[in-house]
Amino acid sequence: MFKVDIILKGRVQGVGFRYYAKQIADEMKVSGKVWNNYDGSVEVVGYLESKKDIDEFVEKIKIGPQMSSVKESTVTITPSDPLIDEVFEIAN
């Protein structure tokens, strides 16, 4: 299993980005969390099994909801402990 950490910058707060990320995660059966950072960015952490799933998840997240505009993103992929909760949550 892999941990994917995505930090998105641009017009990503106040446009429903966290709910969009949860919808994508639920559709793909990805566990993890999404939250707003104090610097105006949004951070998404997901736990996925395969490289193909990681690529698809990252690309869908980077699209964002209709009112968003992702100007910059960073993606970090690291091996992860397989004993992760099986939910995706929106954090404050």
N, C-alpha and C. Protein backbone atom coordinates (compact mmCIF):
# COMPACT_ATOMS: atom_id res chain seq x y z
N MET A 1 0.84 -1.18 0.00
CA MET A 1 0.00 0.00 0.00
C MET A 1 0.89 1.24 0.00
N PHE A 2 0.36 2.32 -0.61
CA PHE A 2 1.11 3.57 -0.71
C PHE A 2 0.30 4.72 -0.14
N LYS A 3 1.00 5.66 0.45
CA LYS A 3 0.39 6.90 0.92
C LYS A 3 0.70 7.97 -0.12
N VAL A 4 -0.35 8.66 -0.58
CA VAL A 4 -0.21 9.73 -1.55
C VAL A 4 -0.60 11.03 -0.86
N ASP A 5 0.32 11.99 -0.84
CA ASP A 5 0.06 13.30 -0.23
C ASP A 5 0.08 14.34 -1.35
N ILE A 6 -1.06 15.00 -1.55
CA ILE A 6 -1.20 15.99 -2.63
C ILE A 6 -1.48 17.35 -2.00
N ILE A 7 -0.67 18.33 -2.32
CA ILE A 7 -0.92 19.71 -1.87
C ILE A 7 -1.26 20.52 -3.11
N LEU A 8 -2.42 21.17 -3.07
CA LEU A 8 -2.92 21.92 -4.22
C LEU A 8 -3.01 23.39 -3.87
N LYS A 9 -2.50 24.23 -4.77
CA LYS A 9 -2.53 25.68 -4.57
C LYS A 9 -3.24 26.34 -5.73
N GLY A 10 -3.80 27.50 -5.47
CA GLY A 10 -4.57 28.23 -6.46
C GLY A 10 -5.89 28.61 -5.84
N ARG A 11 -6.93 28.59 -6.64
CA ARG A 11 -8.28 28.86 -6.12
C ARG A 11 -8.86 27.51 -5.68
N VAL A 12 -8.52 27.11 -4.46
CA VAL A 12 -8.90 25.78 -3.99
C VAL A 12 -9.67 25.79 -2.66
N GLN A 13 -9.78 26.95 -2.03
CA GLN A 13 -10.58 27.04 -0.82
C GLN A 13 -11.83 27.86 -1.10
N GLY A 14 -12.93 27.46 -0.47
CA GLY A 14 -14.19 28.16 -0.67
C GLY A 14 -14.91 27.80 -1.95
N VAL A 15 -14.49 26.72 -2.60
CA VAL A 15 -15.09 26.30 -3.87
C VAL A 15 -15.58 24.85 -3.84
N GLY A 16 -15.63 24.25 -2.65
CA GLY A 16 -16.11 22.87 -2.53
C GLY A 16 -15.05 21.82 -2.81
N PHE A 17 -13.78 22.19 -2.72
CA PHE A 17 -12.72 21.25 -3.07
C PHE A 17 -12.68 20.03 -2.16
N ARG A 18 -12.87 20.23 -0.86
CA ARG A 18 -12.82 19.08 0.06
C ARG A 18 -13.94 18.09 -0.24
N TYR A 19 -15.13 18.59 -0.55
CA TYR A 19 -16.26 17.71 -0.86
C TYR A 19 -16.04 17.00 -2.19
N TYR A 20 -15.44 17.70 -3.13
CA TYR A 20 -15.08 17.10 -4.41
C TYR A 20 -14.08 15.96 -4.20
N ALA A 21 -13.05 16.22 -3.39
CA ALA A 21 -12.04 15.19 -3.11
C ALA A 21 -12.66 13.97 -2.45
N LYS A 22 -13.60 14.20 -1.53
CA LYS A 22 -14.27 13.08 -0.87
C LYS A 22 -15.08 12.28 -1.87
N GLN A 23 -15.75 12.96 -2.78
CA GLN A 23 -16.54 12.27 -3.80
C GLN A 23 -15.64 11.38 -4.67
N ILE A 24 -14.50 11.90 -5.11
CA ILE A 24 -13.56 11.12 -5.92
C ILE A 24 -13.06 9.92 -5.11
N ALA A 25 -12.68 10.17 -3.85
CA ALA A 25 -12.17 9.10 -3.00
C ALA A 25 -13.23 8.02 -2.79
N ASP A 26 -14.46 8.42 -2.55
CA ASP A 26 -15.53 7.44 -2.36
C ASP A 26 -15.76 6.62 -3.63
N GLU A 27 -15.74 7.28 -4.78
CA GLU A 27 -15.93 6.57 -6.06
C GLU A 27 -14.83 5.55 -6.30
N MET A 28 -13.59 5.91 -5.90
CA MET A 28 -12.45 5.03 -6.15
C MET A 28 -12.14 4.11 -4.97
N LYS A 29 -12.94 4.22 -3.91
CA LYS A 29 -12.74 3.42 -2.70
C LYS A 29 -11.36 3.66 -2.08
N VAL A 30 -11.01 4.96 -1.95
CA VAL A 30 -9.74 5.38 -1.37
C VAL A 30 -9.99 5.85 0.05
N SER A 31 -9.18 5.39 0.99
CA SER A 31 -9.28 5.91 2.35
C SER A 31 -8.30 7.06 2.50
N GLY A 32 -8.52 7.91 3.50
CA GLY A 32 -7.63 9.04 3.72
C GLY A 32 -8.33 10.22 4.32
N LYS A 33 -7.85 11.42 3.96
CA LYS A 33 -8.35 12.64 4.57
C LYS A 33 -8.05 13.83 3.67
N VAL A 34 -8.86 14.88 3.77
CA VAL A 34 -8.63 16.13 3.04
C VAL A 34 -8.89 17.28 4.00
N TRP A 35 -8.08 18.36 3.88
CA TRP A 35 -8.28 19.51 4.75
C TRP A 35 -7.72 20.77 4.10
N ASN A 36 -8.18 21.92 4.61
CA ASN A 36 -7.66 23.22 4.20
C ASN A 36 -6.43 23.54 5.05
N ASN A 37 -5.38 24.05 4.44
CA ASN A 37 -4.20 24.53 5.17
C ASN A 37 -4.33 26.04 5.38
N TYR A 38 -3.63 26.54 6.40
CA TYR A 38 -3.68 27.97 6.71
C TYR A 38 -3.11 28.85 5.61
N ASP A 39 -2.25 28.30 4.76
CA ASP A 39 -1.65 29.11 3.70
C ASP A 39 -2.54 29.22 2.45
N GLY A 40 -3.78 28.71 2.53
CA GLY A 40 -4.71 28.79 1.41
C GLY A 40 -4.71 27.57 0.50
N SER A 41 -3.84 26.62 0.78
CA SER A 41 -3.79 25.39 -0.02
C SER A 41 -4.75 24.34 0.55
N VAL A 42 -4.97 23.30 -0.21
CA VAL A 42 -5.74 22.13 0.24
C VAL A 42 -4.81 20.94 0.19
N GLU A 43 -4.89 20.11 1.22
CA GLU A 43 -4.05 18.90 1.26
C GLU A 43 -4.94 17.67 1.26
N VAL A 44 -4.57 16.71 0.43
CA VAL A 44 -5.30 15.45 0.30
C VAL A 44 -4.31 14.32 0.57
N VAL A 45 -4.68 13.42 1.49
CA VAL A 45 -3.88 12.23 1.75
C VAL A 45 -4.76 11.03 1.44
N GLY A 46 -4.27 10.15 0.58
CA GLY A 46 -5.01 8.96 0.23
C GLY A 46 -4.12 7.73 0.32
N TYR A 47 -4.74 6.59 0.56
CA TYR A 47 -4.02 5.31 0.66
C TYR A 47 -4.52 4.40 -0.46
N LEU A 48 -3.60 4.02 -1.34
CA LEU A 48 -3.96 3.24 -2.52
C LEU A 48 -3.02 2.06 -2.70
N GLU A 49 -3.48 1.08 -3.45
CA GLU A 49 -2.74 -0.16 -3.64
C GLU A 49 -1.78 -0.16 -4.83
N SER A 50 -2.18 0.43 -5.95
CA SER A 50 -1.38 0.27 -7.17
C SER A 50 -0.98 1.60 -7.79
N LYS A 51 0.06 1.57 -8.61
CA LYS A 51 0.54 2.75 -9.32
C LYS A 51 -0.54 3.29 -10.26
N LYS A 52 -1.27 2.41 -10.92
CA LYS A 52 -2.34 2.82 -11.81
C LYS A 52 -3.41 3.60 -11.05
N ASP A 53 -3.81 3.08 -9.88
CA ASP A 53 -4.81 3.76 -9.06
C ASP A 53 -4.30 5.11 -8.56
N ILE A 54 -3.02 5.16 -8.19
CA ILE A 54 -2.42 6.41 -7.72
C ILE A 54 -2.49 7.46 -8.82
N ASP A 55 -2.06 7.11 -10.03
CA ASP A 55 -2.07 8.04 -11.16
C ASP A 55 -3.48 8.56 -11.44
N GLU A 56 -4.44 7.66 -11.44
CA GLU A 56 -5.83 8.04 -11.71
C GLU A 56 -6.37 8.96 -10.62
N PHE A 57 -6.11 8.63 -9.36
CA PHE A 57 -6.57 9.44 -8.23
C PHE A 57 -5.98 10.85 -8.29
N VAL A 58 -4.68 10.93 -8.50
CA VAL A 58 -4.00 12.24 -8.54
C VAL A 58 -4.56 13.09 -9.69
N GLU A 59 -4.71 12.51 -10.87
CA GLU A 59 -5.23 13.27 -12.01
C GLU A 59 -6.64 13.78 -11.77
N LYS A 60 -7.49 12.95 -11.18
CA LYS A 60 -8.87 13.37 -10.90
C LYS A 60 -8.90 14.47 -9.84
N ILE A 61 -8.09 14.33 -8.81
CA ILE A 61 -8.05 15.35 -7.75
C ILE A 61 -7.58 16.68 -8.33
N LYS A 62 -6.57 16.66 -9.18
CA LYS A 62 -6.02 17.90 -9.75
C LYS A 62 -7.00 18.64 -10.65
N ILE A 63 -8.00 17.96 -11.17
CA ILE A 63 -9.04 18.63 -11.97
C ILE A 63 -9.81 19.60 -11.09
N GLY A 64 -10.22 19.13 -9.92
CA GLY A 64 -10.94 19.98 -8.98
C GLY A 64 -12.38 20.23 -9.39
N PRO A 65 -13.15 20.83 -8.48
CA PRO A 65 -14.54 21.16 -8.81
C PRO A 65 -14.60 22.32 -9.80
N GLN A 66 -15.77 22.57 -10.31
CA GLN A 66 -15.96 23.54 -11.40
C GLN A 66 -15.43 24.93 -11.08
N MET A 67 -15.62 25.44 -9.88
CA MET A 67 -15.22 26.81 -9.54
C MET A 67 -13.75 26.92 -9.12
N SER A 68 -13.05 25.81 -9.07
CA SER A 68 -11.66 25.84 -8.62
C SER A 68 -10.71 26.10 -9.79
N SER A 69 -9.48 26.43 -9.42
CA SER A 69 -8.43 26.61 -10.41
C SER A 69 -7.10 26.22 -9.75
N VAL A 70 -6.64 25.02 -10.04
CA VAL A 70 -5.39 24.54 -9.46
C VAL A 70 -4.24 25.12 -10.27
N LYS A 71 -3.42 25.92 -9.61
CA LYS A 71 -2.29 26.56 -10.28
C LYS A 71 -0.99 25.79 -10.06
N GLU A 72 -0.93 25.07 -8.94
CA GLU A 72 0.30 24.35 -8.60
C GLU A 72 -0.08 23.17 -7.71
N SER A 73 0.64 22.07 -7.87
CA SER A 73 0.41 20.92 -7.00
C SER A 73 1.71 20.18 -6.77
N THR A 74 1.82 19.59 -5.59
CA THR A 74 2.95 18.73 -5.28
C THR A 74 2.39 17.38 -4.86
N VAL A 75 3.02 16.33 -5.32
CA VAL A 75 2.57 14.97 -5.02
C VAL A 75 3.75 14.22 -4.42
N THR A 76 3.52 13.62 -3.24
CA THR A 76 4.53 12.79 -2.60
C THR A 76 3.93 11.41 -2.41
N ILE A 77 4.64 10.39 -2.84
CA ILE A 77 4.18 8.99 -2.71
C ILE A 77 5.19 8.24 -1.86
N THR A 78 4.70 7.62 -0.79
CA THR A 78 5.57 6.84 0.10
C THR A 78 4.91 5.51 0.43
N PRO A 79 5.71 4.48 0.72
CA PRO A 79 5.13 3.22 1.18
C PRO A 79 4.40 3.46 2.50
N SER A 80 3.35 2.69 2.74
CA SER A 80 2.54 2.90 3.93
C SER A 80 2.16 1.58 4.59
N ASP A 81 1.88 1.67 5.85
CA ASP A 81 1.37 0.54 6.62
C ASP A 81 -0.01 0.17 6.09
N PRO A 82 -0.27 -1.08 5.82
CA PRO A 82 -1.57 -1.48 5.27
C PRO A 82 -2.72 -1.40 6.28
N LEU A 83 -2.43 -1.16 7.55
CA LEU A 83 -3.47 -1.11 8.57
C LEU A 83 -4.00 0.33 8.71
N ILE A 84 -4.71 0.77 7.71
CA ILE A 84 -5.26 2.12 7.66
C ILE A 84 -6.78 2.03 7.71
N ASP A 85 -7.41 3.02 8.35
CA ASP A 85 -8.88 3.06 8.34
C ASP A 85 -9.39 3.05 6.91
N GLU A 86 -10.56 2.48 6.72
CA GLU A 86 -11.10 2.35 5.38
C GLU A 86 -12.10 3.44 5.05
N VAL A 87 -11.88 4.64 5.55
CA VAL A 87 -12.78 5.76 5.26
C VAL A 87 -11.98 6.92 4.70
N PHE A 88 -12.69 7.84 4.07
CA PHE A 88 -12.09 9.09 3.62
C PHE A 88 -12.88 10.18 4.32
N GLU A 89 -12.20 11.05 5.04
CA GLU A 89 -12.91 12.06 5.80
C GLU A 89 -12.47 13.47 5.46
N ILE A 90 -13.37 14.40 5.72
CA ILE A 90 -13.08 15.82 5.57
C ILE A 90 -12.70 16.32 6.94
N ALA A 91 -11.50 16.87 7.06
CA ALA A 91 -11.04 17.41 8.35
C ALA A 91 -11.11 18.94 8.30
N ASN A 92 -11.14 19.53 9.47
CA ASN A 92 -11.18 21.00 9.55
C ASN A 92 -9.81 21.59 9.49
